[in-house]
C-alpha atoms as a PDB file:
ATOM      1  CA  MET A   1       5.554   6.887 -11.077  1.00  0.00           C
ATOM      2  CA  THR A   2       5.534   4.365 -13.944  1.00  0.00           C
ATOM      3  CA  ASP A   3       8.553   4.079 -16.206  1.00  0.00           C
ATOM      4  CA  LEU A   4       6.961   4.195 -19.660  1.00  0.00           C
ATOM      5  CA  HIS A   5      10.312   3.483 -21.328  1.00  0.00           C
ATOM      6  CA  ASN A   6      10.686   0.196 -19.470  1.00  0.00           C
ATOM      7  CA  PRO A   7       9.692  -2.777 -21.702  1.00  0.00           C
ATOM      8  CA  LEU A   8       8.527  -4.667 -18.609  1.00  0.00           C
ATOM      9  CA  VAL A   9       5.745  -2.118 -17.993  1.00  0.00           C
ATOM     10  CA  ARG A  10       2.759  -2.671 -20.279  1.00  0.00           C
ATOM     11  CA  LYS A  11       1.121   0.538 -21.508  1.00  0.00           C
ATOM     12  CA  GLY A  12      -2.672   0.515 -21.650  1.00  0.00           C
ATOM     13  CA  THR A  13      -3.018  -2.828 -19.864  1.00  0.00           C
ATOM     14  CA  PRO A  14      -5.225  -2.767 -16.764  1.00  0.00           C
ATOM     15  CA  ARG A  15      -3.301  -3.408 -13.554  1.00  0.00           C
ATOM     16  CA  ALA A  16      -3.972  -6.584 -11.618  1.00  0.00           C
ATOM     17  CA  ALA A  17      -5.977  -6.174  -8.404  1.00  0.00           C
ATOM     18  CA  ARG A  18      -3.658  -5.428  -5.497  1.00  0.00           C
ATOM     19  CA  PHE A  19      -4.193  -6.705  -1.995  1.00  0.00           C
ATOM     20  CA  PRO A  20      -2.629  -4.780   0.893  1.00  0.00           C
ATOM     21  CA  MET A  21      -0.485  -7.179   2.924  1.00  0.00           C
ATOM     22  CA  ASN A  22       2.373  -6.591   5.312  1.00  0.00           C
ATOM     23  CA  ILE A  23       4.364  -9.832   5.000  1.00  0.00           C
ATOM     24  CA  PRO A  24       8.099 -10.317   5.702  1.00  0.00           C
ATOM     25  CA  VAL A  25      10.005 -11.253   2.536  1.00  0.00           C
ATOM     26  CA  ARG A  26      13.529 -12.538   1.966  1.00  0.00           C
ATOM     27  CA  TYR A  27      14.963 -11.703  -1.449  1.00  0.00           C
ATOM     28  CA  ARG A  28      18.224 -11.755  -3.350  1.00  0.00           C
ATOM     29  CA  GLN A  29      19.749 -11.588  -6.784  1.00  0.00           C
ATOM     30  CA  PRO A  30      20.071 -15.148  -8.195  1.00  0.00           C
ATOM     31  CA  ASP A  31      23.878 -15.343  -7.935  1.00  0.00           C
ATOM     32  CA  CYS A  32      24.080 -13.786  -4.463  1.00  0.00           C
ATOM     33  CA  PRO A  33      24.256 -16.085  -1.411  1.00  0.00           C
ATOM     34  CA  GLU A  34      23.072 -13.347   0.977  1.00  0.00           C
ATOM     35  CA  TRP A  35      19.319 -12.871   1.505  1.00  0.00           C
ATOM     36  CA  LEU A  36      18.031  -9.344   2.119  1.00  0.00           C
ATOM     37  CA  GLU A  37      14.843  -8.560   4.016  1.00  0.00           C
ATOM     38  CA  GLY A  38      11.823  -6.415   3.306  1.00  0.00           C
ATOM     39  CA  LYS A  39       8.060  -6.291   3.841  1.00  0.00           C
ATOM     40  CA  THR A  40       5.311  -6.274   1.263  1.00  0.00           C
ATOM     41  CA  ALA A  41       3.053  -3.254   0.899  1.00  0.00           C
ATOM     42  CA  ASN A  42       0.755  -5.044  -1.528  1.00  0.00           C
ATOM     43  CA  ILE A  43       0.606  -8.195  -3.635  1.00  0.00           C
ATOM     44  CA  SER A  44      -1.176  -9.004  -6.889  1.00  0.00           C
ATOM     45  CA  GLY A  45      -1.227 -11.943  -9.254  1.00  0.00           C
ATOM     46  CA  SER A  46       1.479 -10.256 -11.317  1.00  0.00           C
ATOM     47  CA  GLY A  47       3.789  -8.712  -8.744  1.00  0.00           C
ATOM     48  CA  LEU A  48       4.360  -7.001  -5.449  1.00  0.00           C
ATOM     49  CA  LEU A  49       5.550  -3.783  -3.889  1.00  0.00           C
ATOM     50  CA  LEU A  50       8.327  -4.474  -1.423  1.00  0.00           C
ATOM     51  CA  HIS A  51       9.392  -1.977   1.271  1.00  0.00           C
ATOM     52  CA  THR A  52      13.165  -2.159   1.591  1.00  0.00           C
ATOM     53  CA  GLN A  53      16.192   0.070   1.854  1.00  0.00           C
ATOM     54  CA  ALA A  54      18.299  -1.839  -0.660  1.00  0.00           C
ATOM     55  CA  ALA A  55      18.505  -0.259  -4.082  1.00  0.00           C
ATOM     56  CA  LEU A  56      18.248  -2.539  -7.115  1.00  0.00           C
ATOM     57  CA  ASP A  57      18.022  -1.207 -10.642  1.00  0.00           C
ATOM     58  CA  PRO A  58      15.073  -1.972 -12.918  1.00  0.00           C
ATOM     59  CA  GLN A  59      15.389  -5.181 -14.948  1.00  0.00           C
ATOM     60  CA  ILE A  60      17.480  -6.880 -12.220  1.00  0.00           C
ATOM     61  CA  PRO A  61      16.253 -10.463 -11.644  1.00  0.00           C
ATOM     62  CA  VAL A  62      15.419 -11.436  -8.062  1.00  0.00           C
ATOM     63  CA  GLU A  63      14.393 -14.511  -6.091  1.00  0.00           C
ATOM     64  CA  LEU A  64      11.859 -14.067  -3.277  1.00  0.00           C
ATOM     65  CA  ARG A  65      10.594 -16.237  -0.419  1.00  0.00           C
ATOM     66  CA  PHE A  66       7.704 -15.491   1.899  1.00  0.00           C
ATOM     67  CA  GLU A  67       4.995 -17.247   3.871  1.00  0.00           C
ATOM     68  CA  LEU A  68       1.332 -16.613   3.230  1.00  0.00           C
ATOM     69  CA  PRO A  69      -0.816 -16.504   6.334  1.00  0.00           C
ATOM     70  CA  ILE A  70      -3.456 -19.163   6.981  1.00  0.00           C
ATOM     71  CA  SER A  71      -6.223 -16.634   6.322  1.00  0.00           C
ATOM     72  CA  VAL A  72      -5.050 -16.255   2.697  1.00  0.00           C
ATOM     73  CA  LEU A  73      -4.655 -19.948   1.943  1.00  0.00           C
ATOM     74  CA  GLY A  74      -7.534 -21.228   4.021  1.00  0.00           C
ATOM     75  CA  GLU A  75      -5.281 -24.082   5.134  1.00  0.00           C
ATOM     76  CA  ALA A  76      -1.892 -24.532   6.795  1.00  0.00           C
ATOM     77  CA  ARG A  77       0.756 -21.882   6.188  1.00  0.00           C
ATOM     78  CA  GLY A  78       2.618 -22.162   2.937  1.00  0.00           C
ATOM     79  CA  GLU A  79       5.819 -20.686   1.584  1.00  0.00           C
ATOM     80  CA  VAL A  80       5.835 -18.977  -1.790  1.00  0.00           C
ATOM     81  CA  ILE A  81       9.078 -19.117  -3.769  1.00  0.00           C
ATOM     82  CA  CYS A  82       9.176 -16.646  -6.663  1.00  0.00           C
ATOM     83  CA  LYS A  83      11.388 -15.484  -9.476  1.00  0.00           C
ATOM     84  CA  GLY A  84      10.818 -11.957 -10.623  1.00  0.00           C
ATOM     85  CA  THR A  85      12.246  -8.782 -12.060  1.00  0.00           C
ATOM     86  CA  VAL A  86      12.531  -5.321 -10.548  1.00  0.00           C
ATOM     87  CA  VAL A  87      10.420  -2.976 -12.685  1.00  0.00           C
ATOM     88  CA  ARG A  88      10.912   0.242 -10.706  1.00  0.00           C
ATOM     89  CA  THR A  89      12.221   1.666  -7.471  1.00  0.00           C
ATOM     90  CA  GLN A  90      10.733   4.268  -5.151  1.00  0.00           C
ATOM     91  CA  GLU A  91      12.873   6.721  -3.221  1.00  0.00           C
ATOM     92  CA  ASP A  92      12.173   9.129  -0.410  1.00  0.00           C
ATOM     93  CA  PRO A  93      11.768  12.459  -2.234  1.00  0.00           C
ATOM     94  CA  LEU A  94      13.792  14.374   0.359  1.00  0.00           C
ATOM     95  CA  SER A  95      16.676  12.016   1.101  1.00  0.00           C
ATOM     96  CA  GLY A  96      16.826   9.983  -2.113  1.00  0.00           C
ATOM     97  CA  ILE A  97      17.080   6.811   0.002  1.00  0.00           C
ATOM     98  CA  PRO A  98      15.362   3.800  -1.569  1.00  0.00           C
ATOM     99  CA  THR A  99      12.095   2.905   0.137  1.00  0.00           C
ATOM    100  CA  ALA A 100      10.479   0.278  -2.104  1.00  0.00           C
ATOM    101  CA  LEU A 101      10.895  -2.002  -5.110  1.00  0.00           C
ATOM    102  CA  ALA A 102       8.107  -2.885  -7.528  1.00  0.00           C
ATOM    103  CA  ILE A 103       8.721  -6.466  -8.645  1.00  0.00           C
ATOM    104  CA  ALA A 104       7.002  -8.307 -11.501  1.00  0.00           C
ATOM    105  CA  ILE A 105       6.634 -12.010 -10.727  1.00  0.00           C
ATOM    106  CA  ARG A 106       7.725 -14.278 -13.615  1.00  0.00           C
ATOM    107  CA  SER A 107       7.164 -17.629 -11.907  1.00  0.00           C
ATOM    108  CA  TYR A 108       6.309 -19.024  -8.507  1.00  0.00           C
ATOM    109  CA  ARG A 109       5.679 -22.225  -6.648  1.00  0.00           C
ATOM    110  CA  MET A 110       4.133 -22.927  -3.301  1.00  0.00           C
ATOM    111  CA  THR A 111       5.259 -25.379  -0.661  1.00  0.00           C
ATOM    112  CA  ARG A 112       3.462 -26.548   2.442  1.00  0.00           C
ATOM    113  CA  GLY A 113       5.401 -28.524   5.009  1.00  0.00           C
ATOM    114  CA  GLY A 114       8.312 -28.867   2.566  1.00  0.00           C
ATOM    115  CA  GLN A 115       6.028 -30.395  -0.093  1.00  0.00           C
ATOM    116  CA  HIS A 116       5.363 -28.739  -3.462  1.00  0.00           C
ATOM    117  CA  VAL A 117       1.726 -27.608  -3.841  1.00  0.00           C
ATOM    118  CA  HIS A 118       0.137 -27.632  -7.305  1.00  0.00           C
END
């Protein structure tokens, strides 16, 4: 269900490898003080699929925060802080209720114990 009219979706470009992960995520629009919650379905180097029931339109910017487990980092837990853009939404075909957001990651940084990780 790719939106070929969306300039954020690249036609003909191979998709980044996706890794199935079920990680709690807090996210919000940049000007909103309230954080919403969801869980990842998968993560890649370019984005993630986030299970949520909040509807956001494509091209809406979002901020995300989540912790990667030790098994991914090979060291102590770390928090990933991202800025991204919603590229598409998924809805339940019967109810029309939003079920997931596909988010392209524009930038990210990692912290471990409150310290920035390079």
